[in-house]
Amino acid sequence: MSAVRRRFGASQKERLFFAALPPPDGRAIYALAQEQKRMHGFDGTLIRPEHLHVTLFHLGDWIALPEELIARASAAAASAAAAGFEVVFDKLTSFRNKTGVRPFVLTGPSETWRPLRLALGQGLKQVGLGAAVHDLDAFTPHVTLLRDKKSAKSQKITPINWQVQDFVLVQSLLGKTTHIHLGRWPLK
């Protein structure tokens, strides 16, 4: 691909990733996020309900998304044969990172995600995007609720469940709070 890809830097303008979305637009999760923001005194901005998601695979940050990348990712998605499944999110925690602005997330067990990640990961490898496929067992499914300099200790919550029936390819316009769904693929 001829486009210049950068891992970090001010020139990043677009991000591409596969994601699973909560139904229908994350309102129950957003309400939980609002409550937790007040409880913990977070200053960070909540992730918009329509942007709540679980990232399955990150395909990079780009100055401009190459059409070839979108085509390859779409081909990988079309080849991913996996059944729908129920997910459980039963914990809230703050992740640590190098920036000092910590994601506050909803998280849960990873086992039920494995078949979809294996199928999609295999598809990505087949179309030459295997670099996006890291250790499949190191996956921590999470929904980022907000980012803040403050952190909160892990806490168990009443589980939030949903059926994952499809997944999407998302183009995120960085700094513009815009997600564009480039494709949606149903699960069996």
N, C-alpha and C. Protein backbone atom coordinates (compact mmCIF):
# COMPACT_ATOMS: atom_id res chain seq x y z
N MET A 1 0.84 -1.16 0.00
CA MET A 1 0.00 0.00 0.00
C MET A 1 0.89 1.23 0.00
N SER A 2 0.50 2.22 -0.73
CA SER A 2 1.36 3.39 -0.91
C SER A 2 1.15 4.47 0.15
N ALA A 3 0.05 4.45 0.89
CA ALA A 3 -0.20 5.49 1.90
C ALA A 3 0.77 5.34 3.05
N VAL A 4 1.13 6.46 3.64
CA VAL A 4 2.05 6.46 4.76
C VAL A 4 1.26 6.18 6.03
N ARG A 5 1.70 5.17 6.78
CA ARG A 5 1.05 4.82 8.04
C ARG A 5 1.95 5.24 9.19
N ARG A 6 1.35 5.85 10.18
CA ARG A 6 2.11 6.23 11.37
C ARG A 6 1.42 5.66 12.58
N ARG A 7 2.21 5.16 13.49
CA ARG A 7 1.65 4.58 14.71
C ARG A 7 1.15 5.67 15.66
N PHE A 8 1.93 6.71 15.85
CA PHE A 8 1.55 7.82 16.72
C PHE A 8 1.99 9.11 16.07
N GLY A 9 1.31 10.19 16.33
CA GLY A 9 1.75 11.48 15.84
C GLY A 9 0.60 12.38 15.45
N ALA A 10 0.92 13.65 15.34
CA ALA A 10 -0.10 14.67 15.04
C ALA A 10 -0.70 14.52 13.65
N SER A 11 0.00 13.82 12.76
CA SER A 11 -0.50 13.72 11.39
C SER A 11 -1.59 12.66 11.22
N GLN A 12 -1.84 11.88 12.26
CA GLN A 12 -2.90 10.88 12.17
C GLN A 12 -4.24 11.58 11.98
N LYS A 13 -5.00 11.09 11.04
CA LYS A 13 -6.31 11.68 10.81
C LYS A 13 -7.43 10.65 10.83
N GLU A 14 -7.10 9.40 10.51
CA GLU A 14 -8.14 8.39 10.40
C GLU A 14 -7.68 7.09 11.03
N ARG A 15 -8.61 6.42 11.69
CA ARG A 15 -8.35 5.13 12.32
C ARG A 15 -9.31 4.12 11.73
N LEU A 16 -8.85 2.89 11.57
CA LEU A 16 -9.70 1.82 11.05
C LEU A 16 -9.66 0.66 12.02
N PHE A 17 -10.85 0.14 12.38
CA PHE A 17 -10.90 -1.00 13.29
C PHE A 17 -12.20 -1.77 13.10
N PHE A 18 -12.14 -3.05 13.48
CA PHE A 18 -13.34 -3.88 13.55
C PHE A 18 -13.87 -3.79 14.97
N ALA A 19 -15.21 -3.76 15.09
CA ALA A 19 -15.81 -3.62 16.41
C ALA A 19 -17.13 -4.36 16.49
N ALA A 20 -17.49 -4.72 17.72
CA ALA A 20 -18.83 -5.21 18.04
C ALA A 20 -19.51 -4.09 18.81
N LEU A 21 -20.78 -3.86 18.50
CA LEU A 21 -21.52 -2.75 19.09
C LEU A 21 -22.58 -3.26 20.05
N PRO A 22 -22.78 -2.53 21.16
CA PRO A 22 -23.89 -2.91 22.04
C PRO A 22 -25.21 -2.52 21.40
N PRO A 23 -26.28 -3.24 21.69
CA PRO A 23 -27.57 -2.88 21.10
C PRO A 23 -28.30 -1.88 21.98
N PRO A 24 -29.25 -1.12 21.42
CA PRO A 24 -29.24 -0.69 20.04
C PRO A 24 -28.20 0.40 19.83
N ASP A 25 -27.98 1.25 20.83
CA ASP A 25 -26.95 2.27 20.66
C ASP A 25 -26.21 2.54 21.98
N GLY A 26 -26.25 1.62 22.89
CA GLY A 26 -25.48 1.74 24.12
C GLY A 26 -26.11 2.60 25.21
N ARG A 27 -27.42 2.80 25.18
CA ARG A 27 -28.04 3.69 26.17
C ARG A 27 -27.88 3.21 27.61
N ALA A 28 -28.04 1.90 27.86
CA ALA A 28 -27.89 1.39 29.23
C ALA A 28 -26.45 1.55 29.71
N ILE A 29 -25.51 1.31 28.82
CA ILE A 29 -24.10 1.46 29.18
C ILE A 29 -23.78 2.94 29.39
N TYR A 30 -24.34 3.79 28.58
CA TYR A 30 -24.11 5.23 28.71
C TYR A 30 -24.65 5.74 30.05
N ALA A 31 -25.83 5.24 30.44
CA ALA A 31 -26.41 5.64 31.73
C ALA A 31 -25.49 5.20 32.87
N LEU A 32 -24.94 4.00 32.78
CA LEU A 32 -23.98 3.52 33.78
C LEU A 32 -22.75 4.43 33.81
N ALA A 33 -22.26 4.82 32.64
CA ALA A 33 -21.09 5.69 32.55
C ALA A 33 -21.37 7.05 33.21
N GLN A 34 -22.55 7.60 32.98
CA GLN A 34 -22.91 8.88 33.61
C GLN A 34 -22.90 8.77 35.13
N GLU A 35 -23.49 7.69 35.63
CA GLU A 35 -23.54 7.45 37.08
C GLU A 35 -22.13 7.31 37.65
N GLN A 36 -21.28 6.54 36.97
CA GLN A 36 -19.91 6.31 37.45
C GLN A 36 -19.07 7.58 37.38
N LYS A 37 -19.30 8.40 36.39
CA LYS A 37 -18.57 9.66 36.28
C LYS A 37 -18.85 10.53 37.50
N ARG A 38 -20.12 10.61 37.88
CA ARG A 38 -20.48 11.39 39.07
C ARG A 38 -19.87 10.77 40.33
N MET A 39 -19.99 9.46 40.47
CA MET A 39 -19.51 8.77 41.68
C MET A 39 -18.01 8.94 41.88
N HIS A 40 -17.23 8.89 40.79
CA HIS A 40 -15.77 8.95 40.90
C HIS A 40 -15.22 10.36 40.72
N GLY A 41 -16.06 11.30 40.38
CA GLY A 41 -15.60 12.68 40.18
C GLY A 41 -14.69 12.83 38.97
N PHE A 42 -14.95 12.03 37.94
CA PHE A 42 -14.16 12.13 36.71
C PHE A 42 -14.45 13.45 36.00
N ASP A 43 -13.43 14.00 35.37
CA ASP A 43 -13.57 15.22 34.59
C ASP A 43 -13.67 14.93 33.09
N GLY A 44 -13.27 13.74 32.67
CA GLY A 44 -13.23 13.40 31.25
C GLY A 44 -14.60 13.38 30.61
N THR A 45 -14.60 13.55 29.30
CA THR A 45 -15.84 13.53 28.53
C THR A 45 -16.27 12.09 28.28
N LEU A 46 -17.55 11.82 28.48
CA LEU A 46 -18.09 10.49 28.22
C LEU A 46 -18.03 10.18 26.73
N ILE A 47 -17.77 8.92 26.41
CA ILE A 47 -17.86 8.45 25.02
C ILE A 47 -19.34 8.50 24.62
N ARG A 48 -19.62 9.04 23.46
CA ARG A 48 -21.00 9.15 23.01
C ARG A 48 -21.64 7.77 22.89
N PRO A 49 -22.94 7.66 23.19
CA PRO A 49 -23.60 6.34 23.16
C PRO A 49 -23.43 5.61 21.83
N GLU A 50 -23.50 6.35 20.72
CA GLU A 50 -23.38 5.71 19.41
C GLU A 50 -21.94 5.32 19.06
N HIS A 51 -20.99 5.70 19.90
CA HIS A 51 -19.58 5.33 19.66
C HIS A 51 -19.10 4.23 20.60
N LEU A 52 -19.93 3.79 21.53
CA LEU A 52 -19.54 2.70 22.43
C LEU A 52 -19.36 1.43 21.61
N HIS A 53 -18.26 0.70 21.89
CA HIS A 53 -17.96 -0.49 21.11
C HIS A 53 -16.90 -1.33 21.81
N VAL A 54 -16.74 -2.55 21.33
CA VAL A 54 -15.62 -3.42 21.71
C VAL A 54 -14.75 -3.55 20.47
N THR A 55 -13.51 -3.12 20.55
CA THR A 55 -12.60 -3.24 19.42
C THR A 55 -12.17 -4.70 19.29
N LEU A 56 -12.38 -5.26 18.11
CA LEU A 56 -11.95 -6.63 17.83
C LEU A 56 -10.53 -6.65 17.29
N PHE A 57 -10.25 -5.80 16.32
CA PHE A 57 -8.91 -5.66 15.75
C PHE A 57 -8.72 -4.22 15.30
N HIS A 58 -7.59 -3.65 15.67
CA HIS A 58 -7.21 -2.30 15.24
C HIS A 58 -6.36 -2.44 13.99
N LEU A 59 -6.74 -1.76 12.92
CA LEU A 59 -6.04 -1.88 11.65
C LEU A 59 -5.15 -0.68 11.34
N GLY A 60 -4.99 0.22 12.30
CA GLY A 60 -4.02 1.28 12.13
C GLY A 60 -4.61 2.67 12.09
N ASP A 61 -3.70 3.63 12.27
CA ASP A 61 -4.01 5.04 12.17
C ASP A 61 -3.30 5.57 10.94
N TRP A 62 -4.01 6.38 10.16
CA TRP A 62 -3.53 6.75 8.84
C TRP A 62 -3.70 8.25 8.60
N ILE A 63 -2.88 8.79 7.73
CA ILE A 63 -3.07 10.15 7.25
C ILE A 63 -4.34 10.18 6.40
N ALA A 64 -4.49 9.17 5.55
CA ALA A 64 -5.71 8.97 4.76
C ALA A 64 -5.84 7.46 4.56
N LEU A 65 -7.03 6.93 4.78
CA LEU A 65 -7.23 5.49 4.65
C LEU A 65 -7.05 5.04 3.21
N PRO A 66 -6.18 4.07 2.97
CA PRO A 66 -6.05 3.53 1.61
C PRO A 66 -7.27 2.69 1.25
N GLU A 67 -7.81 2.89 0.06
CA GLU A 67 -8.95 2.10 -0.40
C GLU A 67 -8.63 0.60 -0.41
N GLU A 68 -7.39 0.28 -0.74
CA GLU A 68 -6.97 -1.13 -0.75
C GLU A 68 -7.10 -1.76 0.63
N LEU A 69 -6.79 -1.01 1.66
CA LEU A 69 -6.92 -1.50 3.03
C LEU A 69 -8.38 -1.80 3.36
N ILE A 70 -9.26 -0.89 2.99
CA ILE A 70 -10.69 -1.10 3.23
C ILE A 70 -11.18 -2.33 2.48
N ALA A 71 -10.74 -2.49 1.24
CA ALA A 71 -11.15 -3.65 0.44
C ALA A 71 -10.65 -4.95 1.06
N ARG A 72 -9.40 -4.96 1.48
CA ARG A 72 -8.85 -6.18 2.11
C ARG A 72 -9.56 -6.50 3.42
N ALA A 73 -9.78 -5.48 4.23
CA ALA A 73 -10.47 -5.69 5.51
C ALA A 73 -11.88 -6.22 5.28
N SER A 74 -12.56 -5.68 4.28
CA SER A 74 -13.92 -6.13 3.96
C SER A 74 -13.91 -7.58 3.49
N ALA A 75 -12.91 -7.96 2.70
CA ALA A 75 -12.79 -9.35 2.25
C ALA A 75 -12.55 -10.27 3.44
N ALA A 76 -11.72 -9.84 4.37
CA ALA A 76 -11.46 -10.64 5.57
C ALA A 76 -12.75 -10.83 6.36
N ALA A 77 -13.51 -9.77 6.52
CA ALA A 77 -14.76 -9.83 7.27
C ALA A 77 -15.75 -10.78 6.62
N ALA A 78 -15.84 -10.71 5.30
CA ALA A 78 -16.78 -11.57 4.57
C ALA A 78 -16.44 -13.04 4.72
N SER A 79 -15.17 -13.35 4.96
CA SER A 79 -14.75 -14.75 5.09
C SER A 79 -14.86 -15.28 6.51
N ALA A 80 -15.13 -14.41 7.47
CA ALA A 80 -15.15 -14.80 8.89
C ALA A 80 -16.47 -15.48 9.24
N ALA A 81 -16.42 -16.80 9.37
CA ALA A 81 -17.62 -17.57 9.71
C ALA A 81 -17.60 -17.88 11.20
N ALA A 82 -18.50 -17.25 11.92
CA ALA A 82 -18.62 -17.48 13.36
C ALA A 82 -20.09 -17.34 13.73
N ALA A 83 -20.46 -18.00 14.80
CA ALA A 83 -21.84 -17.93 15.28
C ALA A 83 -22.01 -16.75 16.22
N GLY A 84 -23.25 -16.25 16.29
CA GLY A 84 -23.56 -15.22 17.27
C GLY A 84 -23.36 -15.77 18.67
N PHE A 85 -23.18 -14.89 19.64
CA PHE A 85 -22.89 -15.34 21.01
C PHE A 85 -23.29 -14.26 22.00
N GLU A 86 -23.47 -14.68 23.25
CA GLU A 86 -23.80 -13.75 24.32
C GLU A 86 -22.52 -13.34 25.04
N VAL A 87 -22.43 -12.05 25.35
CA VAL A 87 -21.29 -11.54 26.10
C VAL A 87 -21.76 -11.00 27.45
N VAL A 88 -20.84 -11.00 28.39
CA VAL A 88 -21.11 -10.53 29.74
C VAL A 88 -20.04 -9.50 30.11
N PHE A 89 -20.49 -8.38 30.64
CA PHE A 89 -19.58 -7.37 31.18
C PHE A 89 -19.96 -7.20 32.64
N ASP A 90 -19.00 -7.49 33.53
CA ASP A 90 -19.34 -7.52 34.96
C ASP A 90 -18.36 -6.76 35.85
N LYS A 91 -17.53 -5.91 35.23
CA LYS A 91 -16.54 -5.19 36.02
C LYS A 91 -16.26 -3.83 35.41
N LEU A 92 -15.99 -2.86 36.25
CA LEU A 92 -15.53 -1.53 35.84
C LEU A 92 -14.11 -1.36 36.36
N THR A 93 -13.24 -0.76 35.56
CA THR A 93 -11.86 -0.54 35.99
C THR A 93 -11.23 0.57 35.16
N SER A 94 -10.14 1.10 35.66
CA SER A 94 -9.33 2.05 34.90
C SER A 94 -8.11 1.31 34.36
N PHE A 95 -7.84 1.45 33.08
CA PHE A 95 -6.63 0.91 32.49
C PHE A 95 -5.51 1.93 32.67
N ARG A 96 -4.31 1.42 32.74
CA ARG A 96 -3.14 2.30 32.77
C ARG A 96 -2.61 2.43 31.35
N ASN A 97 -2.01 3.58 31.06
CA ASN A 97 -1.32 3.75 29.78
C ASN A 97 -0.22 4.78 29.94
N LYS A 98 0.53 4.98 28.89
CA LYS A 98 1.70 5.87 28.94
C LYS A 98 1.34 7.34 28.88
N THR A 99 0.12 7.68 28.46
CA THR A 99 -0.24 9.08 28.30
C THR A 99 -0.65 9.75 29.61
N GLY A 100 -1.02 8.95 30.61
CA GLY A 100 -1.51 9.51 31.86
C GLY A 100 -3.00 9.81 31.84
N VAL A 101 -3.63 9.66 30.70
CA VAL A 101 -5.08 9.79 30.59
C VAL A 101 -5.62 8.37 30.47
N ARG A 102 -6.21 7.90 31.55
CA ARG A 102 -6.56 6.48 31.66
C ARG A 102 -7.97 6.19 31.15
N PRO A 103 -8.11 5.17 30.31
CA PRO A 103 -9.46 4.75 29.93
C PRO A 103 -10.17 4.11 31.13
N PHE A 104 -11.39 4.53 31.39
CA PHE A 104 -12.25 3.91 32.38
C PHE A 104 -13.20 3.03 31.58
N VAL A 105 -13.19 1.71 31.87
CA VAL A 105 -13.83 0.75 30.98
C VAL A 105 -14.77 -0.20 31.70
N LEU A 106 -15.67 -0.73 30.91
CA LEU A 106 -16.53 -1.84 31.28
C LEU A 106 -15.89 -3.07 30.66
N THR A 107 -15.68 -4.11 31.46
CA THR A 107 -14.98 -5.29 30.93
C THR A 107 -15.61 -6.57 31.46
N GLY A 108 -15.20 -7.68 30.88
CA GLY A 108 -15.72 -8.98 31.28
C GLY A 108 -14.89 -10.09 30.70
N PRO A 109 -15.34 -11.34 30.88
CA PRO A 109 -14.58 -12.51 30.41
C PRO A 109 -14.37 -12.49 28.89
N SER A 110 -13.27 -13.09 28.46
CA SER A 110 -12.91 -13.06 27.04
C SER A 110 -13.23 -14.35 26.28
N GLU A 111 -13.52 -15.43 26.97
CA GLU A 111 -13.66 -16.74 26.29
C GLU A 111 -14.70 -16.73 25.17
N THR A 112 -15.84 -16.09 25.39
CA THR A 112 -16.90 -16.15 24.39
C THR A 112 -16.54 -15.39 23.11
N TRP A 113 -15.56 -14.49 23.18
CA TRP A 113 -15.13 -13.71 22.01
C TRP A 113 -14.19 -14.50 21.11
N ARG A 114 -13.59 -15.56 21.62
CA ARG A 114 -12.52 -16.28 20.91
C ARG A 114 -12.93 -16.78 19.52
N PRO A 115 -14.08 -17.45 19.33
CA PRO A 115 -14.40 -17.94 17.97
C PRO A 115 -14.47 -16.82 16.92
N LEU A 116 -15.08 -15.69 17.27
CA LEU A 116 -15.15 -14.58 16.32
C LEU A 116 -13.76 -14.03 16.05
N ARG A 117 -12.97 -13.83 17.08
CA ARG A 117 -11.63 -13.29 16.88
C ARG A 117 -10.75 -14.26 16.08
N LEU A 118 -10.89 -15.54 16.31
CA LEU A 118 -10.13 -16.53 15.52
C LEU A 118 -10.52 -16.47 14.05
N ALA A 119 -11.83 -16.45 13.78
CA ALA A 119 -12.31 -16.44 12.40
C ALA A 119 -11.90 -15.16 11.68
N LEU A 120 -12.07 -14.02 12.33
CA LEU A 120 -11.71 -12.75 11.72
C LEU A 120 -10.20 -12.62 11.60
N GLY A 121 -9.48 -13.07 12.61
CA GLY A 121 -8.01 -13.05 12.56
C GLY A 121 -7.48 -13.88 11.41
N GLN A 122 -8.07 -15.05 11.19
CA GLN A 122 -7.65 -15.90 10.07
C GLN A 122 -7.92 -15.20 8.74
N GLY A 123 -9.08 -14.56 8.65
CA GLY A 123 -9.41 -13.81 7.43
C GLY A 123 -8.42 -12.68 7.18
N LEU A 124 -8.04 -11.96 8.24
CA LEU A 124 -7.07 -10.87 8.09
C LEU A 124 -5.72 -11.41 7.61
N LYS A 125 -5.31 -12.54 8.13
CA LYS A 125 -4.05 -13.15 7.69
C LYS A 125 -4.13 -13.53 6.21
N GLN A 126 -5.24 -14.08 5.79
CA GLN A 126 -5.40 -14.52 4.40
C GLN A 126 -5.35 -13.38 3.40
N VAL A 127 -5.73 -12.17 3.83
CA VAL A 127 -5.72 -11.04 2.89
C VAL A 127 -4.49 -10.16 3.08
N GLY A 128 -3.53 -10.65 3.85
CA GLY A 128 -2.29 -9.91 4.02
C GLY A 128 -2.30 -8.85 5.10
N LEU A 129 -3.25 -8.93 6.02
CA LEU A 129 -3.32 -7.98 7.12
C LEU A 129 -3.04 -8.66 8.46
N GLY A 130 -2.22 -9.67 8.41
CA GLY A 130 -1.91 -10.44 9.62
C GLY A 130 -1.20 -9.65 10.70
N ALA A 131 -0.58 -8.52 10.35
CA ALA A 131 0.09 -7.70 11.37
C ALA A 131 -0.90 -7.19 12.42
N ALA A 132 -2.17 -7.11 12.07
CA ALA A 132 -3.18 -6.65 13.02
C ALA A 132 -3.55 -7.72 14.03
N VAL A 133 -3.18 -8.96 13.74
CA VAL A 133 -3.55 -10.09 14.59
C VAL A 133 -2.42 -10.38 15.56
N HIS A 134 -2.66 -10.01 16.81
CA HIS A 134 -1.68 -10.25 17.86
C HIS A 134 -2.10 -11.49 18.64
N ASP A 135 -1.51 -11.71 19.75
CA ASP A 135 -1.83 -12.85 20.61
C ASP A 135 -3.33 -12.87 20.89
N LEU A 136 -4.02 -13.84 20.34
CA LEU A 136 -5.47 -13.91 20.50
C LEU A 136 -5.89 -14.13 21.95
N ASP A 137 -5.02 -14.73 22.74
CA ASP A 137 -5.36 -15.00 24.13
C ASP A 137 -5.13 -13.78 25.04
N ALA A 138 -4.47 -12.75 24.52
CA ALA A 138 -4.20 -11.56 25.32
C ALA A 138 -5.33 -10.54 25.21
N PHE A 139 -6.39 -10.88 24.53
CA PHE A 139 -7.52 -9.97 24.30
C PHE A 139 -8.29 -9.71 25.59
N THR A 140 -8.52 -8.46 25.90
CA THR A 140 -9.35 -8.06 27.03
C THR A 140 -10.54 -7.29 26.47
N PRO A 141 -11.69 -7.95 26.34
CA PRO A 141 -12.85 -7.23 25.79
C PRO A 141 -13.25 -6.11 26.74
N HIS A 142 -13.43 -4.92 26.17
CA HIS A 142 -13.83 -3.79 27.01
C HIS A 142 -14.54 -2.73 26.18
N VAL A 143 -15.35 -1.97 26.87
CA VAL A 143 -16.03 -0.83 26.29
C VAL A 143 -15.50 0.39 27.04
N THR A 144 -14.81 1.28 26.36
CA THR A 144 -14.30 2.49 27.00
C THR A 144 -15.47 3.45 27.23
N LEU A 145 -15.61 3.88 28.49
CA LEU A 145 -16.70 4.78 28.86
C LEU A 145 -16.26 6.24 28.84
N LEU A 146 -15.00 6.48 29.24
CA LEU A 146 -14.42 7.82 29.23
C LEU A 146 -12.93 7.67 29.46
N ARG A 147 -12.20 8.77 29.29
CA ARG A 147 -10.77 8.81 29.60
C ARG A 147 -10.56 9.95 30.58
N ASP A 148 -9.71 9.70 31.61
CA ASP A 148 -9.54 10.70 32.64
C ASP A 148 -8.16 10.55 33.27
N LYS A 149 -7.64 11.63 33.83
CA LYS A 149 -6.37 11.56 34.56
C LYS A 149 -6.53 10.83 35.87
N LYS A 150 -7.75 10.86 36.42
CA LYS A 150 -8.05 10.11 37.64
C LYS A 150 -8.30 8.66 37.27
N SER A 151 -8.13 7.79 38.24
CA SER A 151 -8.45 6.39 37.99
C SER A 151 -9.36 5.88 39.10
N ALA A 152 -9.96 4.74 38.85
CA ALA A 152 -10.84 4.11 39.82
C ALA A 152 -10.41 2.66 39.99
N LYS A 153 -10.55 2.16 41.20
CA LYS A 153 -10.23 0.75 41.47
C LYS A 153 -11.27 -0.13 40.77
N SER A 154 -10.87 -1.35 40.47
CA SER A 154 -11.79 -2.30 39.85
C SER A 154 -12.95 -2.57 40.79
N GLN A 155 -14.13 -2.67 40.19
CA GLN A 155 -15.31 -3.01 40.97
C GLN A 155 -16.23 -3.91 40.17
N LYS A 156 -16.79 -4.89 40.84
CA LYS A 156 -17.79 -5.76 40.23
C LYS A 156 -19.11 -5.00 40.14
N ILE A 157 -19.86 -5.27 39.08
CA ILE A 157 -21.17 -4.66 38.90
C ILE A 157 -22.18 -5.74 38.55
N THR A 158 -23.45 -5.38 38.60
CA THR A 158 -24.48 -6.28 38.10
C THR A 158 -24.19 -6.48 36.62
N PRO A 159 -24.07 -7.72 36.16
CA PRO A 159 -23.66 -7.96 34.76
C PRO A 159 -24.57 -7.31 33.74
N ILE A 160 -23.93 -6.83 32.70
CA ILE A 160 -24.63 -6.32 31.51
C ILE A 160 -24.35 -7.33 30.41
N ASN A 161 -25.39 -7.88 29.83
CA ASN A 161 -25.26 -8.90 28.79
C ASN A 161 -25.87 -8.39 27.50
N TRP A 162 -25.35 -8.90 26.39
CA TRP A 162 -26.02 -8.70 25.11
C TRP A 162 -25.59 -9.77 24.13
N GLN A 163 -26.38 -9.95 23.10
CA GLN A 163 -26.09 -10.90 22.02
C GLN A 163 -25.30 -10.20 20.94
N VAL A 164 -24.13 -10.70 20.63
CA VAL A 164 -23.36 -10.18 19.50
C VAL A 164 -23.86 -10.92 18.27
N GLN A 165 -24.50 -10.19 17.37
CA GLN A 165 -25.10 -10.80 16.18
C GLN A 165 -24.42 -10.36 14.89
N ASP A 166 -23.51 -9.38 15.01
CA ASP A 166 -22.78 -8.90 13.84
C ASP A 166 -21.57 -8.11 14.31
N PHE A 167 -20.77 -7.66 13.37
CA PHE A 167 -19.65 -6.79 13.69
C PHE A 167 -19.48 -5.80 12.54
N VAL A 168 -18.79 -4.70 12.82
CA VAL A 168 -18.68 -3.61 11.85
C VAL A 168 -17.22 -3.22 11.62
N LEU A 169 -16.98 -2.62 10.47
CA LEU A 169 -15.70 -2.01 10.14
C LEU A 169 -15.91 -0.50 10.32
N VAL A 170 -15.14 0.09 11.22
CA VAL A 170 -15.35 1.49 11.59
C VAL A 170 -14.18 2.35 11.12
N GLN A 171 -14.51 3.44 10.48
CA GLN A 171 -13.56 4.50 10.16
C GLN A 171 -13.81 5.61 11.17
N SER A 172 -12.81 5.91 11.99
CA SER A 172 -12.93 6.97 12.98
C SER A 172 -12.13 8.16 12.50
N LEU A 173 -12.78 9.31 12.41
CA LEU A 173 -12.10 10.55 12.03
C LEU A 173 -11.58 11.16 13.33
N LEU A 174 -10.29 11.00 13.56
CA LEU A 174 -9.69 11.37 14.83
C LEU A 174 -9.83 12.86 15.11
N GLY A 175 -10.24 13.16 16.34
CA GLY A 175 -10.41 14.54 16.75
C GLY A 175 -11.71 15.17 16.30
N LYS A 176 -12.52 14.42 15.56
CA LYS A 176 -13.77 14.98 15.04
C LYS A 176 -15.01 14.29 15.63
N THR A 177 -14.80 13.35 16.54
CA THR A 177 -15.89 12.62 17.16
C THR A 177 -16.84 12.06 16.11
N THR A 178 -16.26 11.44 15.10
CA THR A 178 -17.06 10.88 14.01
C THR A 178 -16.66 9.44 13.74
N HIS A 179 -17.65 8.55 13.76
CA HIS A 179 -17.46 7.16 13.36
C HIS A 179 -18.31 6.90 12.12
N ILE A 180 -17.69 6.29 11.13
CA ILE A 180 -18.40 5.92 9.91
C ILE A 180 -18.33 4.40 9.79
N HIS A 181 -19.47 3.76 9.69
CA HIS A 181 -19.51 2.30 9.54
C HIS A 181 -19.38 1.99 8.05
N LEU A 182 -18.25 1.36 7.70
CA LEU A 182 -17.97 1.07 6.29
C LEU A 182 -18.56 -0.27 5.86
N GLY A 183 -18.93 -1.11 6.80
CA GLY A 183 -19.51 -2.41 6.48
C GLY A 183 -20.00 -3.08 7.75
N ARG A 184 -20.96 -3.96 7.59
CA ARG A 184 -21.52 -4.73 8.71
C ARG A 184 -21.69 -6.16 8.24
N TRP A 185 -21.23 -7.13 9.05
CA TRP A 185 -21.29 -8.53 8.69
C TRP A 185 -22.03 -9.31 9.77
N PRO A 186 -23.09 -10.01 9.38
CA PRO A 186 -23.86 -10.80 10.36
C PRO A 186 -23.12 -12.07 10.75
N LEU A 187 -23.37 -12.51 11.97
CA LEU A 187 -22.87 -13.80 12.44
C LEU A 187 -23.95 -14.83 12.22
N LYS A 188 -23.57 -16.10 12.22
CA LYS A 188 -24.53 -17.18 11.96
C LYS A 188 -25.50 -17.32 13.11
